């Protein structure tokens, strides 16, 4: 009898989790045409949404859900001047090596150079700046 109760509760929790997941998951925003047409920006966006959005926010404004709890706060990539430079190698260095004394992690140990370039290219896109040829 106890075994049935245990399995019943497990099934109930599983069903509840399944329903909660589907109720709370929202469809993603449509991909802008200029990004969808560019494989480099598409890959950069994919990684950004997986790894960067929690701190920098979906539009790169530094307003992600974790931003308020971080010191220093994440940079506003869309409009603030870029503290570590705007040249492709400088942006790539920040993405690859992170930022000392901040919560910005180094991604070089996680991603290969083509993916790091894609992330950097997407940062230019967020800032409404042309993607440098050096990242392509």
C-alpha atoms as a PDB file:
ATOM      1  CA  UNK A   1       0.000   0.000   0.000  1.00  0.00           C
ATOM      2  CA  UNK A   2       2.818   2.436   0.896  1.00  0.00           C
ATOM      3  CA  UNK A   3       4.532   1.733  -2.425  1.00  0.00           C
ATOM      4  CA  UNK A   4       1.413   2.846  -4.311  1.00  0.00           C
ATOM      5  CA  UNK A   5       1.320   6.090  -2.331  1.00  0.00           C
ATOM      6  CA  UNK A   6       4.974   6.777  -3.099  1.00  0.00           C
ATOM      7  CA  UNK A   7       4.551   6.116  -6.819  1.00  0.00           C
ATOM      8  CA  UNK A   8       1.326   8.156  -6.830  1.00  0.00           C
ATOM      9  CA  UNK A   9       3.072  11.125  -5.230  1.00  0.00           C
ATOM     10  CA  UNK A  10       6.007  10.857  -7.636  1.00  0.00           C
ATOM     11  CA  UNK A  11       3.608  10.795 -10.583  1.00  0.00           C
ATOM     12  CA  UNK A  12       1.694  13.766  -9.174  1.00  0.00           C
ATOM     13  CA  UNK A  13       4.854  15.811  -8.691  1.00  0.00           C
ATOM     14  CA  UNK A  14       6.044  14.890 -12.172  1.00  0.00           C
ATOM     15  CA  UNK A  15       2.743  15.939 -13.703  1.00  0.00           C
ATOM     16  CA  UNK A  16       2.767  19.167 -11.690  1.00  0.00           C
ATOM     17  CA  UNK A  17       6.290  19.962 -12.845  1.00  0.00           C
ATOM     18  CA  UNK A  18       5.381  19.242 -16.449  1.00  0.00           C
ATOM     19  CA  UNK A  19       2.319  21.504 -16.291  1.00  0.00           C
ATOM     20  CA  UNK A  20       4.221  24.284 -14.505  1.00  0.00           C
ATOM     21  CA  UNK A  21       7.002  24.162 -17.083  1.00  0.00           C
ATOM     22  CA  UNK A  22       4.574  24.527 -19.974  1.00  0.00           C
ATOM     23  CA  UNK A  23       2.586  27.261 -18.256  1.00  0.00           C
ATOM     24  CA  UNK A  24       5.645  29.310 -17.327  1.00  0.00           C
ATOM     25  CA  UNK A  25       7.696  28.886 -20.479  1.00  0.00           C
ATOM     26  CA  UNK A  26       7.141  31.724 -22.897  1.00  0.00           C
ATOM     27  CA  UNK A  27       7.854  31.584 -26.590  1.00  0.00           C
ATOM     28  CA  UNK A  28      10.996  33.483 -27.517  1.00  0.00           C
ATOM     29  CA  UNK A  29      10.902  36.741 -29.378  1.00  0.00           C
ATOM     30  CA  UNK A  30      11.220  36.403 -33.142  1.00  0.00           C
ATOM     31  CA  UNK A  31      14.755  36.638 -34.442  1.00  0.00           C
ATOM     32  CA  UNK A  32      15.345  39.945 -36.269  1.00  0.00           C
ATOM     33  CA  UNK A  33      15.856  39.446 -40.010  1.00  0.00           C
ATOM     34  CA  UNK A  34      19.376  40.933 -40.057  1.00  0.00           C
ATOM     35  CA  UNK A  35      20.462  38.381 -37.441  1.00  0.00           C
ATOM     36  CA  UNK A  36      18.602  35.441 -38.958  1.00  0.00           C
ATOM     37  CA  UNK A  37      20.349  36.084 -42.284  1.00  0.00           C
ATOM     38  CA  UNK A  38      23.844  36.109 -40.758  1.00  0.00           C
ATOM     39  CA  UNK A  39      25.164  32.769 -39.380  1.00  0.00           C
ATOM     40  CA  UNK A  40      27.822  34.542 -37.297  1.00  0.00           C
ATOM     41  CA  UNK A  41      25.273  36.779 -35.544  1.00  0.00           C
ATOM     42  CA  UNK A  42      22.838  33.904 -35.214  1.00  0.00           C
ATOM     43  CA  UNK A  43      25.457  31.826 -33.356  1.00  0.00           C
ATOM     44  CA  UNK A  44      26.490  34.825 -31.252  1.00  0.00           C
ATOM     45  CA  UNK A  45      22.870  35.464 -30.298  1.00  0.00           C
ATOM     46  CA  UNK A  46      22.383  31.821 -29.353  1.00  0.00           C
ATOM     47  CA  UNK A  47      25.368  31.865 -26.997  1.00  0.00           C
ATOM     48  CA  UNK A  48      24.471  35.316 -25.654  1.00  0.00           C
ATOM     49  CA  UNK A  49      20.980  34.131 -24.748  1.00  0.00           C
ATOM     50  CA  UNK A  50      22.434  31.052 -23.022  1.00  0.00           C
ATOM     51  CA  UNK A  51      25.303  32.690 -21.142  1.00  0.00           C
ATOM     52  CA  UNK A  52      25.099  36.488 -21.072  1.00  0.00           C
ATOM     53  CA  UNK A  53      21.456  37.502 -20.822  1.00  0.00           C
ATOM     54  CA  UNK A  54      21.201  36.756 -17.080  1.00  0.00           C
ATOM     55  CA  UNK A  55      23.558  39.639 -16.326  1.00  0.00           C
ATOM     56  CA  UNK A  56      23.488  41.919 -19.385  1.00  0.00           C
ATOM     57  CA  UNK A  57      19.781  41.485 -20.202  1.00  0.00           C
ATOM     58  CA  UNK A  58      18.145  40.629 -23.531  1.00  0.00           C
ATOM     59  CA  UNK A  59      18.961  44.000 -25.121  1.00  0.00           C
ATOM     60  CA  UNK A  60      22.393  44.319 -23.485  1.00  0.00           C
ATOM     61  CA  UNK A  61      21.294  47.110 -21.147  1.00  0.00           C
ATOM     62  CA  UNK A  62      22.966  45.591 -18.080  1.00  0.00           C
ATOM     63  CA  UNK A  63      19.551  44.841 -16.615  1.00  0.00           C
ATOM     64  CA  UNK A  64      19.443  41.046 -16.524  1.00  0.00           C
ATOM     65  CA  UNK A  65      17.759  39.275 -13.603  1.00  0.00           C
ATOM     66  CA  UNK A  66      21.085  38.887 -11.785  1.00  0.00           C
ATOM     67  CA  UNK A  67      22.339  42.423 -12.459  1.00  0.00           C
ATOM     68  CA  UNK A  68      21.119  44.037  -9.233  1.00  0.00           C
ATOM     69  CA  UNK A  69      22.944  41.466  -7.130  1.00  0.00           C
ATOM     70  CA  UNK A  70      26.309  42.008  -8.833  1.00  0.00           C
ATOM     71  CA  UNK A  71      29.034  44.415  -7.810  1.00  0.00           C
ATOM     72  CA  UNK A  72      30.148  45.970 -10.050  1.00  0.00           C
ATOM     73  CA  UNK A  73      26.968  45.986 -12.111  1.00  0.00           C
ATOM     74  CA  UNK A  74      27.142  44.525 -15.626  1.00  0.00           C
ATOM     75  CA  UNK A  75      27.932  46.998 -18.383  1.00  0.00           C
ATOM     76  CA  UNK A  76      25.251  48.426 -20.599  1.00  0.00           C
ATOM     77  CA  UNK A  77      26.603  47.058 -23.875  1.00  0.00           C
ATOM     78  CA  UNK A  78      24.044  48.919 -25.967  1.00  0.00           C
ATOM     79  CA  UNK A  79      24.839  52.516 -25.060  1.00  0.00           C
ATOM     80  CA  UNK A  80      27.618  52.910 -22.477  1.00  0.00           C
ATOM     81  CA  UNK A  81      31.137  53.562 -23.758  1.00  0.00           C
ATOM     82  CA  UNK A  82      33.039  50.301 -23.851  1.00  0.00           C
ATOM     83  CA  UNK A  83      35.468  50.511 -20.946  1.00  0.00           C
ATOM     84  CA  UNK A  84      38.026  48.105 -22.415  1.00  0.00           C
ATOM     85  CA  UNK A  85      37.955  49.379 -25.997  1.00  0.00           C
ATOM     86  CA  UNK A  86      35.952  49.005 -29.191  1.00  0.00           C
ATOM     87  CA  UNK A  87      38.546  47.383 -31.431  1.00  0.00           C
ATOM     88  CA  UNK A  88      37.722  43.776 -32.349  1.00  0.00           C
ATOM     89  CA  UNK A  89      40.755  42.371 -30.524  1.00  0.00           C
ATOM     90  CA  UNK A  90      39.853  44.351 -27.379  1.00  0.00           C
ATOM     91  CA  UNK A  91      36.238  43.137 -27.376  1.00  0.00           C
ATOM     92  CA  UNK A  92      37.372  39.585 -28.093  1.00  0.00           C
ATOM     93  CA  UNK A  93      39.855  39.804 -25.203  1.00  0.00           C
ATOM     94  CA  UNK A  94      37.077  40.739 -22.752  1.00  0.00           C
ATOM     95  CA  UNK A  95      34.857  37.909 -23.987  1.00  0.00           C
ATOM     96  CA  UNK A  96      37.704  35.396 -23.904  1.00  0.00           C
ATOM     97  CA  UNK A  97      39.437  36.426 -20.673  1.00  0.00           C
ATOM     98  CA  UNK A  98      36.645  37.998 -18.650  1.00  0.00           C
ATOM     99  CA  UNK A  99      37.131  41.061 -16.453  1.00  0.00           C
ATOM    100  CA  UNK A 100      39.241  40.998 -13.304  1.00  0.00           C
ATOM    101  CA  UNK A 101      37.466  42.014 -10.079  1.00  0.00           C
ATOM    102  CA  UNK A 102      34.030  41.551 -11.636  1.00  0.00           C
ATOM    103  CA  UNK A 103      31.576  38.733 -12.270  1.00  0.00           C
ATOM    104  CA  UNK A 104      32.355  38.732 -16.014  1.00  0.00           C
ATOM    105  CA  UNK A 105      33.708  35.215 -16.623  1.00  0.00           C
ATOM    106  CA  UNK A 106      36.328  34.110 -19.104  1.00  0.00           C
ATOM    107  CA  UNK A 107      34.732  32.117 -21.915  1.00  0.00           C
ATOM    108  CA  UNK A 108      37.954  30.979 -23.617  1.00  0.00           C
ATOM    109  CA  UNK A 109      37.930  27.713 -21.683  1.00  0.00           C
ATOM    110  CA  UNK A 110      34.332  27.042 -22.675  1.00  0.00           C
ATOM    111  CA  UNK A 111      34.188  28.136 -26.316  1.00  0.00           C
ATOM    112  CA  UNK A 112      36.518  27.876 -29.285  1.00  0.00           C
ATOM    113  CA  UNK A 113      37.705  30.978 -31.170  1.00  0.00           C
ATOM    114  CA  UNK A 114      34.903  30.942 -33.796  1.00  0.00           C
ATOM    115  CA  UNK A 115      32.261  31.010 -31.054  1.00  0.00           C
ATOM    116  CA  UNK A 116      34.117  33.734 -29.145  1.00  0.00           C
ATOM    117  CA  UNK A 117      34.163  35.797 -32.334  1.00  0.00           C
ATOM    118  CA  UNK A 118      30.438  35.174 -32.763  1.00  0.00           C
ATOM    119  CA  UNK A 119      29.749  36.458 -29.240  1.00  0.00           C
ATOM    120  CA  UNK A 120      31.894  39.532 -29.861  1.00  0.00           C
ATOM    121  CA  UNK A 121      30.113  40.143 -33.178  1.00  0.00           C
ATOM    122  CA  UNK A 122      26.748  39.939 -31.449  1.00  0.00           C
ATOM    123  CA  UNK A 123      27.906  42.515 -28.893  1.00  0.00           C
ATOM    124  CA  UNK A 124      28.603  44.895 -31.790  1.00  0.00           C
ATOM    125  CA  UNK A 125      25.101  44.149 -33.100  1.00  0.00           C
ATOM    126  CA  UNK A 126      23.574  44.954 -29.692  1.00  0.00           C
ATOM    127  CA  UNK A 127      25.440  48.271 -29.685  1.00  0.00           C
ATOM    128  CA  UNK A 128      24.152  49.049 -33.209  1.00  0.00           C
ATOM    129  CA  UNK A 129      27.710  49.124 -34.522  1.00  0.00           C
ATOM    130  CA  UNK A 130      28.922  47.456 -37.696  1.00  0.00           C
ATOM    131  CA  UNK A 131      30.495  44.052 -37.131  1.00  0.00           C
ATOM    132  CA  UNK A 132      34.205  44.355 -37.958  1.00  0.00           C
ATOM    133  CA  UNK A 133      35.573  42.146 -40.727  1.00  0.00           C
ATOM    134  CA  UNK A 134      38.205  40.881 -38.261  1.00  0.00           C
ATOM    135  CA  UNK A 135      35.464  38.930 -36.463  1.00  0.00           C
ATOM    136  CA  UNK A 136      34.170  37.259 -39.622  1.00  0.00           C
END
